Amino acid sequence: MSFAGVGNAAVGALAVNLATNLLTKEENKPATKKD
């Protein structure tokens, strides 16, 4: 296991979360505890 591999995995997960947040409509997002 290397830091580069861990970094690549973190960047990939961040990219997926960002794309999901940008492409999901507000009414289809899951409710949070604050909501």
Full PDB file with SEQRES, HELIX, SHEET, SSBOND, CRYST1, ORIGX, SCALE, CONECT and MASTER records, all heavy atoms in Angstrom:
SEQRES   1 A   35  MET SER PHE ALA GLY VAL GLY ASN ALA ALA VAL GLY ALA          
SEQRES   2 A   35  LEU ALA VAL ASN LEU ALA THR ASN LEU LEU THR LYS GLU          
SEQRES   3 A   35  GLU ASN LYS PRO ALA THR LYS LYS ASP                          
HELIX    1 AA1 PHE A    3  LEU A   23  1                                  21    
HELIX    2 AA2 GLU A   26  ASN A   28  5                                   3    
CRYST1    1.000    1.000    1.000  90.00  90.00  90.00 P 1           1          
ORIGX1      1.000000  0.000000  0.000000        0.00000                         
ORIGX2      0.000000  1.000000  0.000000        0.00000                         
ORIGX3      0.000000  0.000000  1.000000        0.00000                         
SCALE1      1.000000  0.000000  0.000000        0.00000                         
SCALE2      0.000000  1.000000  0.000000        0.00000                         
SCALE3      0.000000  0.000000  1.000000        0.00000                         
ATOM      1  N   MET A   1       0.844  -1.174   0.000  1.00  0.00           N  
ATOM      2  CA  MET A   1       0.000   0.000   0.000  1.00  0.00           C  
ATOM      3  C   MET A   1       0.890   1.238   0.000  1.00  0.00           C  
ATOM      4  O   MET A   1       1.820   1.348   0.804  1.00  0.00           O  
ATOM      5  CB  MET A   1      -0.911   0.005   1.233  1.00  0.00           C  
ATOM      6  CG  MET A   1      -1.991   1.034   1.161  1.00  0.00           C  
ATOM      7  SD  MET A   1      -3.355   0.768   2.282  1.00  0.00           S  
ATOM      8  CE  MET A   1      -2.632   1.095   3.842  1.00  0.00           C  
ATOM      9  N   SER A   2       0.606   2.147  -0.905  1.00  0.00           N  
ATOM     10  CA  SER A   2       1.407   3.357  -0.996  1.00  0.00           C  
ATOM     11  C   SER A   2       0.526   4.582  -0.796  1.00  0.00           C  
ATOM     12  O   SER A   2      -0.695   4.524  -0.906  1.00  0.00           O  
ATOM     13  CB  SER A   2       2.088   3.435  -2.363  1.00  0.00           C  
ATOM     14  OG  SER A   2       1.125   3.572  -3.376  1.00  0.00           O  
ATOM     15  N   PHE A   3       1.182   5.705  -0.519  1.00  0.00           N  
ATOM     16  CA  PHE A   3       0.431   6.943  -0.353  1.00  0.00           C  
ATOM     17  C   PHE A   3      -0.208   7.372  -1.663  1.00  0.00           C  
ATOM     18  O   PHE A   3      -1.286   7.954  -1.674  1.00  0.00           O  
ATOM     19  CB  PHE A   3       1.348   8.049   0.182  1.00  0.00           C  
ATOM     20  CG  PHE A   3       1.731   7.842   1.624  1.00  0.00           C  
ATOM     21  CD1 PHE A   3       3.027   7.551   1.980  1.00  0.00           C  
ATOM     22  CD2 PHE A   3       0.771   7.939   2.617  1.00  0.00           C  
ATOM     23  CE1 PHE A   3       3.371   7.352   3.298  1.00  0.00           C  
ATOM     24  CE2 PHE A   3       1.103   7.746   3.940  1.00  0.00           C  
ATOM     25  CZ  PHE A   3       2.411   7.457   4.287  1.00  0.00           C  
ATOM     26  N   ALA A   4       0.443   7.069  -2.765  1.00  0.00           N  
ATOM     27  CA  ALA A   4      -0.130   7.417  -4.064  1.00  0.00           C  
ATOM     28  C   ALA A   4      -1.428   6.645  -4.302  1.00  0.00           C  
ATOM     29  O   ALA A   4      -2.406   7.204  -4.798  1.00  0.00           O  
ATOM     30  CB  ALA A   4       0.876   7.120  -5.171  1.00  0.00           C  
ATOM     31  N   GLY A   5      -1.445   5.374  -3.956  1.00  0.00           N  
ATOM     32  CA  GLY A   5      -2.653   4.573  -4.120  1.00  0.00           C  
ATOM     33  C   GLY A   5      -3.779   5.052  -3.232  1.00  0.00           C  
ATOM     34  O   GLY A   5      -4.937   5.135  -3.655  1.00  0.00           O  
ATOM     35  N   VAL A   6      -3.449   5.406  -1.993  1.00  0.00           N  
ATOM     36  CA  VAL A   6      -4.454   5.919  -1.071  1.00  0.00           C  
ATOM     37  C   VAL A   6      -4.980   7.256  -1.575  1.00  0.00           C  
ATOM     38  O   VAL A   6      -6.174   7.533  -1.555  1.00  0.00           O  
ATOM     39  CB  VAL A   6      -3.875   6.050   0.358  1.00  0.00           C  
ATOM     40  CG1 VAL A   6      -4.838   6.764   1.282  1.00  0.00           C  
ATOM     41  CG2 VAL A   6      -3.520   4.682   0.900  1.00  0.00           C  
ATOM     42  N   GLY A   7      -4.071   8.088  -2.076  1.00  0.00           N  
ATOM     43  CA  GLY A   7      -4.473   9.387  -2.621  1.00  0.00           C  
ATOM     44  C   GLY A   7      -5.374   9.226  -3.831  1.00  0.00           C  
ATOM     45  O   GLY A   7      -6.363   9.945  -3.977  1.00  0.00           O  
ATOM     46  N   ASN A   8      -5.026   8.298  -4.718  1.00  0.00           N  
ATOM     47  CA  ASN A   8      -5.863   8.058  -5.897  1.00  0.00           C  
ATOM     48  C   ASN A   8      -7.257   7.581  -5.494  1.00  0.00           C  
ATOM     49  O   ASN A   8      -8.262   7.994  -6.079  1.00  0.00           O  
ATOM     50  CB  ASN A   8      -5.211   7.027  -6.822  1.00  0.00           C  
ATOM     51  CG  ASN A   8      -4.008   7.593  -7.540  1.00  0.00           C  
ATOM     52  OD1 ASN A   8      -3.862   8.801  -7.659  1.00  0.00           O  
ATOM     53  ND2 ASN A   8      -3.145   6.718  -8.007  1.00  0.00           N  
ATOM     54  N   ALA A   9      -7.341   6.722  -4.501  1.00  0.00           N  
ATOM     55  CA  ALA A   9      -8.640   6.232  -4.038  1.00  0.00           C  
ATOM     56  C   ALA A   9      -9.453   7.372  -3.429  1.00  0.00           C  
ATOM     57  O   ALA A   9     -10.661   7.486  -3.669  1.00  0.00           O  
ATOM     58  CB  ALA A   9      -8.454   5.108  -3.020  1.00  0.00           C  
ATOM     59  N   ALA A  10      -8.799   8.250  -2.670  1.00  0.00           N  
ATOM     60  CA  ALA A  10      -9.510   9.372  -2.056  1.00  0.00           C  
ATOM     61  C   ALA A  10     -10.011  10.343  -3.117  1.00  0.00           C  
ATOM     62  O   ALA A  10     -11.146  10.827  -3.045  1.00  0.00           O  
ATOM     63  CB  ALA A  10      -8.594  10.092  -1.063  1.00  0.00           C  
ATOM     64  N   VAL A  11      -9.171  10.628  -4.112  1.00  0.00           N  
ATOM     65  CA  VAL A  11      -9.581  11.538  -5.184  1.00  0.00           C  
ATOM     66  C   VAL A  11     -10.735  10.936  -5.982  1.00  0.00           C  
ATOM     67  O   VAL A  11     -11.686  11.631  -6.347  1.00  0.00           O  
ATOM     68  CB  VAL A  11      -8.382  11.876  -6.104  1.00  0.00           C  
ATOM     69  CG1 VAL A  11      -8.827  12.578  -7.364  1.00  0.00           C  
ATOM     70  CG2 VAL A  11      -7.373  12.722  -5.355  1.00  0.00           C  
ATOM     71  N   GLY A  12     -10.689   9.640  -6.231  1.00  0.00           N  
ATOM     72  CA  GLY A  12     -11.773   8.974  -6.954  1.00  0.00           C  
ATOM     73  C   GLY A  12     -13.085   9.039  -6.184  1.00  0.00           C  
ATOM     74  O   GLY A  12     -14.137   9.329  -6.761  1.00  0.00           O  
ATOM     75  N   ALA A  13     -13.035   8.785  -4.895  1.00  0.00           N  
ATOM     76  CA  ALA A  13     -14.248   8.849  -4.070  1.00  0.00           C  
ATOM     77  C   ALA A  13     -14.794  10.273  -4.023  1.00  0.00           C  
ATOM     78  O   ALA A  13     -16.010  10.492  -4.096  1.00  0.00           O  
ATOM     79  CB  ALA A  13     -13.949   8.351  -2.660  1.00  0.00           C  
ATOM     80  N   LEU A  14     -13.905  11.259  -3.930  1.00  0.00           N  
ATOM     81  CA  LEU A  14     -14.319  12.656  -3.919  1.00  0.00           C  
ATOM     82  C   LEU A  14     -14.984  13.036  -5.239  1.00  0.00           C  
ATOM     83  O   LEU A  14     -16.008  13.723  -5.256  1.00  0.00           O  
ATOM     84  CB  LEU A  14     -13.113  13.557  -3.645  1.00  0.00           C  
ATOM     85  CG  LEU A  14     -13.382  15.049  -3.550  1.00  0.00           C  
ATOM     86  CD1 LEU A  14     -14.263  15.351  -2.347  1.00  0.00           C  
ATOM     87  CD2 LEU A  14     -12.085  15.826  -3.464  1.00  0.00           C  
ATOM     88  N   ALA A  15     -14.413  12.568  -6.353  1.00  0.00           N  
ATOM     89  CA  ALA A  15     -14.985  12.872  -7.670  1.00  0.00           C  
ATOM     90  C   ALA A  15     -16.378  12.264  -7.819  1.00  0.00           C  
ATOM     91  O   ALA A  15     -17.294  12.897  -8.349  1.00  0.00           O  
ATOM     92  CB  ALA A  15     -14.059  12.360  -8.773  1.00  0.00           C  
ATOM     93  N   VAL A  16     -16.564  11.050  -7.331  1.00  0.00           N  
ATOM     94  CA  VAL A  16     -17.874  10.407  -7.419  1.00  0.00           C  
ATOM     95  C   VAL A  16     -18.889  11.160  -6.562  1.00  0.00           C  
ATOM     96  O   VAL A  16     -20.020  11.410  -6.995  1.00  0.00           O  
ATOM     97  CB  VAL A  16     -17.779   8.923  -6.995  1.00  0.00           C  
ATOM     98  CG1 VAL A  16     -19.145   8.325  -6.785  1.00  0.00           C  
ATOM     99  CG2 VAL A  16     -17.006   8.138  -8.026  1.00  0.00           C  
ATOM    100  N   ASN A  17     -18.522  11.542  -5.347  1.00  0.00           N  
ATOM    101  CA  ASN A  17     -19.438  12.286  -4.473  1.00  0.00           C  
ATOM    102  C   ASN A  17     -19.786  13.645  -5.069  1.00  0.00           C  
ATOM    103  O   ASN A  17     -20.942  14.080  -5.006  1.00  0.00           O  
ATOM    104  CB  ASN A  17     -18.832  12.466  -3.079  1.00  0.00           C  
ATOM    105  CG  ASN A  17     -18.820  11.177  -2.298  1.00  0.00           C  
ATOM    106  OD1 ASN A  17     -19.587  10.267  -2.583  1.00  0.00           O  
ATOM    107  ND2 ASN A  17     -17.940  11.090  -1.321  1.00  0.00           N  
ATOM    108  N   LEU A  18     -18.809  14.320  -5.656  1.00  0.00           N  
ATOM    109  CA  LEU A  18     -19.059  15.619  -6.268  1.00  0.00           C  
ATOM    110  C   LEU A  18     -20.003  15.486  -7.457  1.00  0.00           C  
ATOM    111  O   LEU A  18     -20.951  16.257  -7.589  1.00  0.00           O  
ATOM    112  CB  LEU A  18     -17.731  16.243  -6.706  1.00  0.00           C  
ATOM    113  CG  LEU A  18     -17.816  17.632  -7.320  1.00  0.00           C  
ATOM    114  CD1 LEU A  18     -18.299  18.624  -6.286  1.00  0.00           C  
ATOM    115  CD2 LEU A  18     -16.470  18.052  -7.865  1.00  0.00           C  
ATOM    116  N   ALA A  19     -19.763  14.492  -8.310  1.00  0.00           N  
ATOM    117  CA  ALA A  19     -20.636  14.279  -9.462  1.00  0.00           C  
ATOM    118  C   ALA A  19     -22.051  13.921  -9.020  1.00  0.00           C  
ATOM    119  O   ALA A  19     -23.034  14.391  -9.604  1.00  0.00           O  
ATOM    120  CB  ALA A  19     -20.064  13.185 -10.361  1.00  0.00           C  
ATOM    121  N   THR A  20     -22.173  13.115  -7.988  1.00  0.00           N  
ATOM    122  CA  THR A  20     -23.491  12.738  -7.474  1.00  0.00           C  
ATOM    123  C   THR A  20     -24.235  13.963  -6.941  1.00  0.00           C  
ATOM    124  O   THR A  20     -25.414  14.147  -7.212  1.00  0.00           O  
ATOM    125  CB  THR A  20     -23.350  11.688  -6.358  1.00  0.00           C  
ATOM    126  OG1 THR A  20     -22.653  10.572  -6.876  1.00  0.00           O  
ATOM    127  CG2 THR A  20     -24.704  11.235  -5.848  1.00  0.00           C  
ATOM    128  N   ASN A  21     -23.533  14.816  -6.209  1.00  0.00           N  
ATOM    129  CA  ASN A  21     -24.178  16.012  -5.661  1.00  0.00           C  
ATOM    130  C   ASN A  21     -24.578  16.992  -6.755  1.00  0.00           C  
ATOM    131  O   ASN A  21     -25.619  17.639  -6.659  1.00  0.00           O  
ATOM    132  CB  ASN A  21     -23.258  16.712  -4.656  1.00  0.00           C  
ATOM    133  CG  ASN A  21     -23.195  15.973  -3.339  1.00  0.00           C  
ATOM    134  OD1 ASN A  21     -24.109  15.258  -2.985  1.00  0.00           O  
ATOM    135  ND2 ASN A  21     -22.091  16.123  -2.629  1.00  0.00           N  
ATOM    136  N   LEU A  22     -23.770  17.114  -7.793  1.00  0.00           N  
ATOM    137  CA  LEU A  22     -24.082  18.052  -8.864  1.00  0.00           C  
ATOM    138  C   LEU A  22     -25.222  17.561  -9.747  1.00  0.00           C  
ATOM    139  O   LEU A  22     -26.025  18.357 -10.230  1.00  0.00           O  
ATOM    140  CB  LEU A  22     -22.843  18.303  -9.729  1.00  0.00           C  
ATOM    141  CG  LEU A  22     -21.713  19.100  -9.068  1.00  0.00           C  
ATOM    142  CD1 LEU A  22     -20.519  19.179  -9.992  1.00  0.00           C  
ATOM    143  CD2 LEU A  22     -22.183  20.493  -8.681  1.00  0.00           C  
ATOM    144  N   LEU A  23     -25.314  16.265  -9.957  1.00  0.00           N  
ATOM    145  CA  LEU A  23     -26.284  15.721 -10.894  1.00  0.00           C  
ATOM    146  C   LEU A  23     -27.602  15.295 -10.256  1.00  0.00           C  
ATOM    147  O   LEU A  23     -28.553  15.001 -10.967  1.00  0.00           O  
ATOM    148  CB  LEU A  23     -25.673  14.534 -11.645  1.00  0.00           C  
ATOM    149  CG  LEU A  23     -24.438  14.875 -12.497  1.00  0.00           C  
ATOM    150  CD1 LEU A  23     -23.855  13.612 -13.091  1.00  0.00           C  
ATOM    151  CD2 LEU A  23     -24.772  15.878 -13.575  1.00  0.00           C  
ATOM    152  N   THR A  24     -27.665  15.267  -8.932  1.00  0.00           N  
ATOM    153  CA  THR A  24     -28.892  14.862  -8.248  1.00  0.00           C  
ATOM    154  C   THR A  24     -29.726  16.094  -7.929  1.00  0.00           C  
ATOM    155  O   THR A  24     -29.220  17.068  -7.390  1.00  0.00           O  
ATOM    156  CB  THR A  24     -28.557  14.110  -6.944  1.00  0.00           C  
ATOM    157  OG1 THR A  24     -27.723  13.010  -7.250  1.00  0.00           O  
ATOM    158  CG2 THR A  24     -29.812  13.604  -6.262  1.00  0.00           C  
ATOM    159  N   LYS A  25     -31.008  16.054  -8.269  1.00  0.00           N  
ATOM    160  CA  LYS A  25     -31.905  17.170  -7.958  1.00  0.00           C  
ATOM    161  C   LYS A  25     -32.067  17.290  -6.451  1.00  0.00           C  
ATOM    162  O   LYS A  25     -31.946  16.310  -5.713  1.00  0.00           O  
ATOM    163  CB  LYS A  25     -33.267  16.940  -8.608  1.00  0.00           C  
ATOM    164  CG  LYS A  25     -33.238  16.978 -10.106  1.00  0.00           C  
ATOM    165  CD  LYS A  25     -34.631  16.756 -10.655  1.00  0.00           C  
ATOM    166  CE  LYS A  25     -34.618  16.742 -12.161  1.00  0.00           C  
ATOM    167  NZ  LYS A  25     -35.947  16.469 -12.719  1.00  0.00           N  
ATOM    168  N   GLU A  26     -32.369  18.506  -6.017  1.00  0.00           N  
ATOM    169  CA  GLU A  26     -32.473  18.771  -4.573  1.00  0.00           C  
ATOM    170  C   GLU A  26     -33.574  17.935  -3.918  1.00  0.00           C  
ATOM    171  O   GLU A  26     -33.416  17.443  -2.810  1.00  0.00           O  
ATOM    172  CB  GLU A  26     -32.734  20.268  -4.347  1.00  0.00           C  
ATOM    173  CG  GLU A  26     -32.570  20.698  -2.911  1.00  0.00           C  
ATOM    174  CD  GLU A  26     -31.151  20.571  -2.395  1.00  0.00           C  
ATOM    175  OE1 GLU A  26     -30.200  20.774  -3.162  1.00  0.00           O  
ATOM    176  OE2 GLU A  26     -31.009  20.261  -1.195  1.00  0.00           O  
ATOM    177  N   GLU A  27     -34.702  17.749  -4.623  1.00  0.00           N  
ATOM    178  CA  GLU A  27     -35.810  16.989  -4.019  1.00  0.00           C  
ATOM    179  C   GLU A  27     -35.539  15.490  -3.975  1.00  0.00           C  
ATOM    180  O   GLU A  27     -36.202  14.753  -3.268  1.00  0.00           O  
ATOM    181  CB  GLU A  27     -37.129  17.254  -4.754  1.00  0.00           C  
ATOM    182  CG  GLU A  27     -37.135  16.840  -6.206  1.00  0.00           C  
ATOM    183  CD  GLU A  27     -36.766  17.972  -7.153  1.00  0.00           C  
ATOM    184  OE1 GLU A  27     -36.325  19.036  -6.703  1.00  0.00           O  
ATOM    185  OE2 GLU A  27     -36.927  17.771  -8.364  1.00  0.00           O  
ATOM    186  N   ASN A  28     -34.524  15.016  -4.715  1.00  0.00           N  
ATOM    187  CA  ASN A  28     -34.199  13.592  -4.710  1.00  0.00           C  
ATOM    188  C   ASN A  28     -33.051  13.246  -3.773  1.00  0.00           C  
ATOM    189  O   ASN A  28     -32.698  12.077  -3.639  1.00  0.00           O  
ATOM    190  CB  ASN A  28     -33.845  13.124  -6.121  1.00  0.00           C  
ATOM    191  CG  ASN A  28     -35.034  13.159  -7.043  1.00  0.00           C  
ATOM    192  OD1 ASN A  28     -36.165  13.091  -6.588  1.00  0.00           O  
ATOM    193  ND2 ASN A  28     -34.781  13.264  -8.321  1.00  0.00           N  
ATOM    194  N   LYS A  29     -32.448  14.243  -3.149  1.00  0.00           N  
ATOM    195  CA  LYS A  29     -31.341  13.980  -2.232  1.00  0.00           C  
ATOM    196  C   LYS A  29     -31.894  13.419  -0.919  1.00  0.00           C  
ATOM    197  O   LYS A  29     -33.015  13.731  -0.521  1.00  0.00           O  
ATOM    198  CB  LYS A  29     -30.557  15.265  -1.961  1.00  0.00           C  
ATOM    199  CG  LYS A  29     -29.755  15.711  -3.173  1.00  0.00           C  
ATOM    200  CD  LYS A  29     -28.916  16.905  -2.843  1.00  0.00           C  
ATOM    201  CE  LYS A  29     -28.119  17.322  -4.074  1.00  0.00           C  
ATOM    202  NZ  LYS A  29     -27.316  18.503  -3.809  1.00  0.00           N  
ATOM    203  N   PRO A  30     -31.137  12.585  -0.218  1.00  0.00           N  
ATOM    204  CA  PRO A  30     -31.624  12.018   1.035  1.00  0.00           C  
ATOM    205  C   PRO A  30     -31.730  13.087   2.133  1.00  0.00           C  
ATOM    206  O   PRO A  30     -30.994  14.065   2.138  1.00  0.00           O  
ATOM    207  CB  PRO A  30     -30.576  10.959   1.386  1.00  0.00           C  
ATOM    208  CG  PRO A  30     -29.364  11.338   0.635  1.00  0.00           C  
ATOM    209  CD  PRO A  30     -29.823  12.061  -0.589  1.00  0.00           C  
ATOM    210  N   ALA A  31     -32.641  12.870   3.055  1.00  0.00           N  
ATOM    211  CA  ALA A  31     -32.840  13.810   4.158  1.00  0.00           C  
ATOM    212  C   ALA A  31     -31.725  13.668   5.174  1.00  0.00           C  
ATOM    213  O   ALA A  31     -31.258  12.568   5.462  1.00  0.00           O  
ATOM    214  CB  ALA A  31     -34.188  13.549   4.827  1.00  0.00           C  
ATOM    215  N   THR A  32     -31.290  14.795   5.711  1.00  0.00           N  
ATOM    216  CA  THR A  32     -30.265  14.786   6.745  1.00  0.00           C  
ATOM    217  C   THR A  32     -30.921  14.951   8.113  1.00  0.00           C  
ATOM    218  O   THR A  32     -32.129  15.201   8.218  1.00  0.00           O  
ATOM    219  CB  THR A  32     -29.263  15.934   6.512  1.00  0.00           C  
ATOM    220  OG1 THR A  32     -29.975  17.171   6.590  1.00  0.00           O  
ATOM    221  CG2 THR A  32     -28.589  15.811   5.159  1.00  0.00           C  
ATOM    222  N   LYS A  33     -30.122  14.830   9.158  1.00  0.00           N  
ATOM    223  CA  LYS A  33     -30.665  15.011  10.508  1.00  0.00           C  
ATOM    224  C   LYS A  33     -31.186  16.439  10.694  1.00  0.00           C  
ATOM    225  O   LYS A  33     -32.186  16.663  11.365  1.00  0.00           O  
ATOM    226  CB  LYS A  33     -29.588  14.707  11.549  1.00  0.00           C  
ATOM    227  CG  LYS A  33     -29.270  13.243  11.663  1.00  0.00           C  
ATOM    228  CD  LYS A  33     -28.254  12.995  12.753  1.00  0.00           C  
ATOM    229  CE  LYS A  33     -27.953  11.510  12.877  1.00  0.00           C  
ATOM    230  NZ  LYS A  33     -26.954  11.248  13.906  1.00  0.00           N  
ATOM    231  N   LYS A  34     -30.496  17.403  10.074  1.00  0.00           N  
ATOM    232  CA  LYS A  34     -30.935  18.796  10.172  1.00  0.00           C  
ATOM    233  C   LYS A  34     -32.297  18.972   9.502  1.00  0.00           C  
ATOM    234  O   LYS A  34     -33.171  19.664  10.031  1.00  0.00           O  
ATOM    235  CB  LYS A  34     -29.902  19.706   9.525  1.00  0.00           C  
ATOM    236  CG  LYS A  34     -30.235  21.175   9.627  1.00  0.00           C  
ATOM    237  CD  LYS A  34     -29.168  22.019   8.984  1.00  0.00           C  
ATOM    238  CE  LYS A  34     -29.556  23.486   9.028  1.00  0.00           C  
ATOM    239  NZ  LYS A  34     -28.581  24.319   8.320  1.00  0.00           N  
ATOM    240  N   ASP A  35     -32.483  18.344   8.332  1.00  0.00           N  
ATOM    241  CA  ASP A  35     -33.773  18.432   7.647  1.00  0.00           C  
ATOM    242  C   ASP A  35     -34.892  17.851   8.498  1.00  0.00           C  
ATOM    243  O   ASP A  35     -35.986  18.421   8.597  1.00  0.00           O  
ATOM    244  CB  ASP A  35     -33.715  17.699   6.300  1.00  0.00           C  
ATOM    245  CG  ASP A  35     -32.749  18.321   5.324  1.00  0.00           C  
ATOM    246  OD1 ASP A  35     -32.478  19.535   5.448  1.00  0.00           O  
ATOM    247  OD2 ASP A  35     -32.263  17.596   4.433  1.00  0.00           O  
TER     248      ASP A  35                                                      
MASTER        0    0    0    2    0    0    0    6  247    1    0    3          
END                                                                             
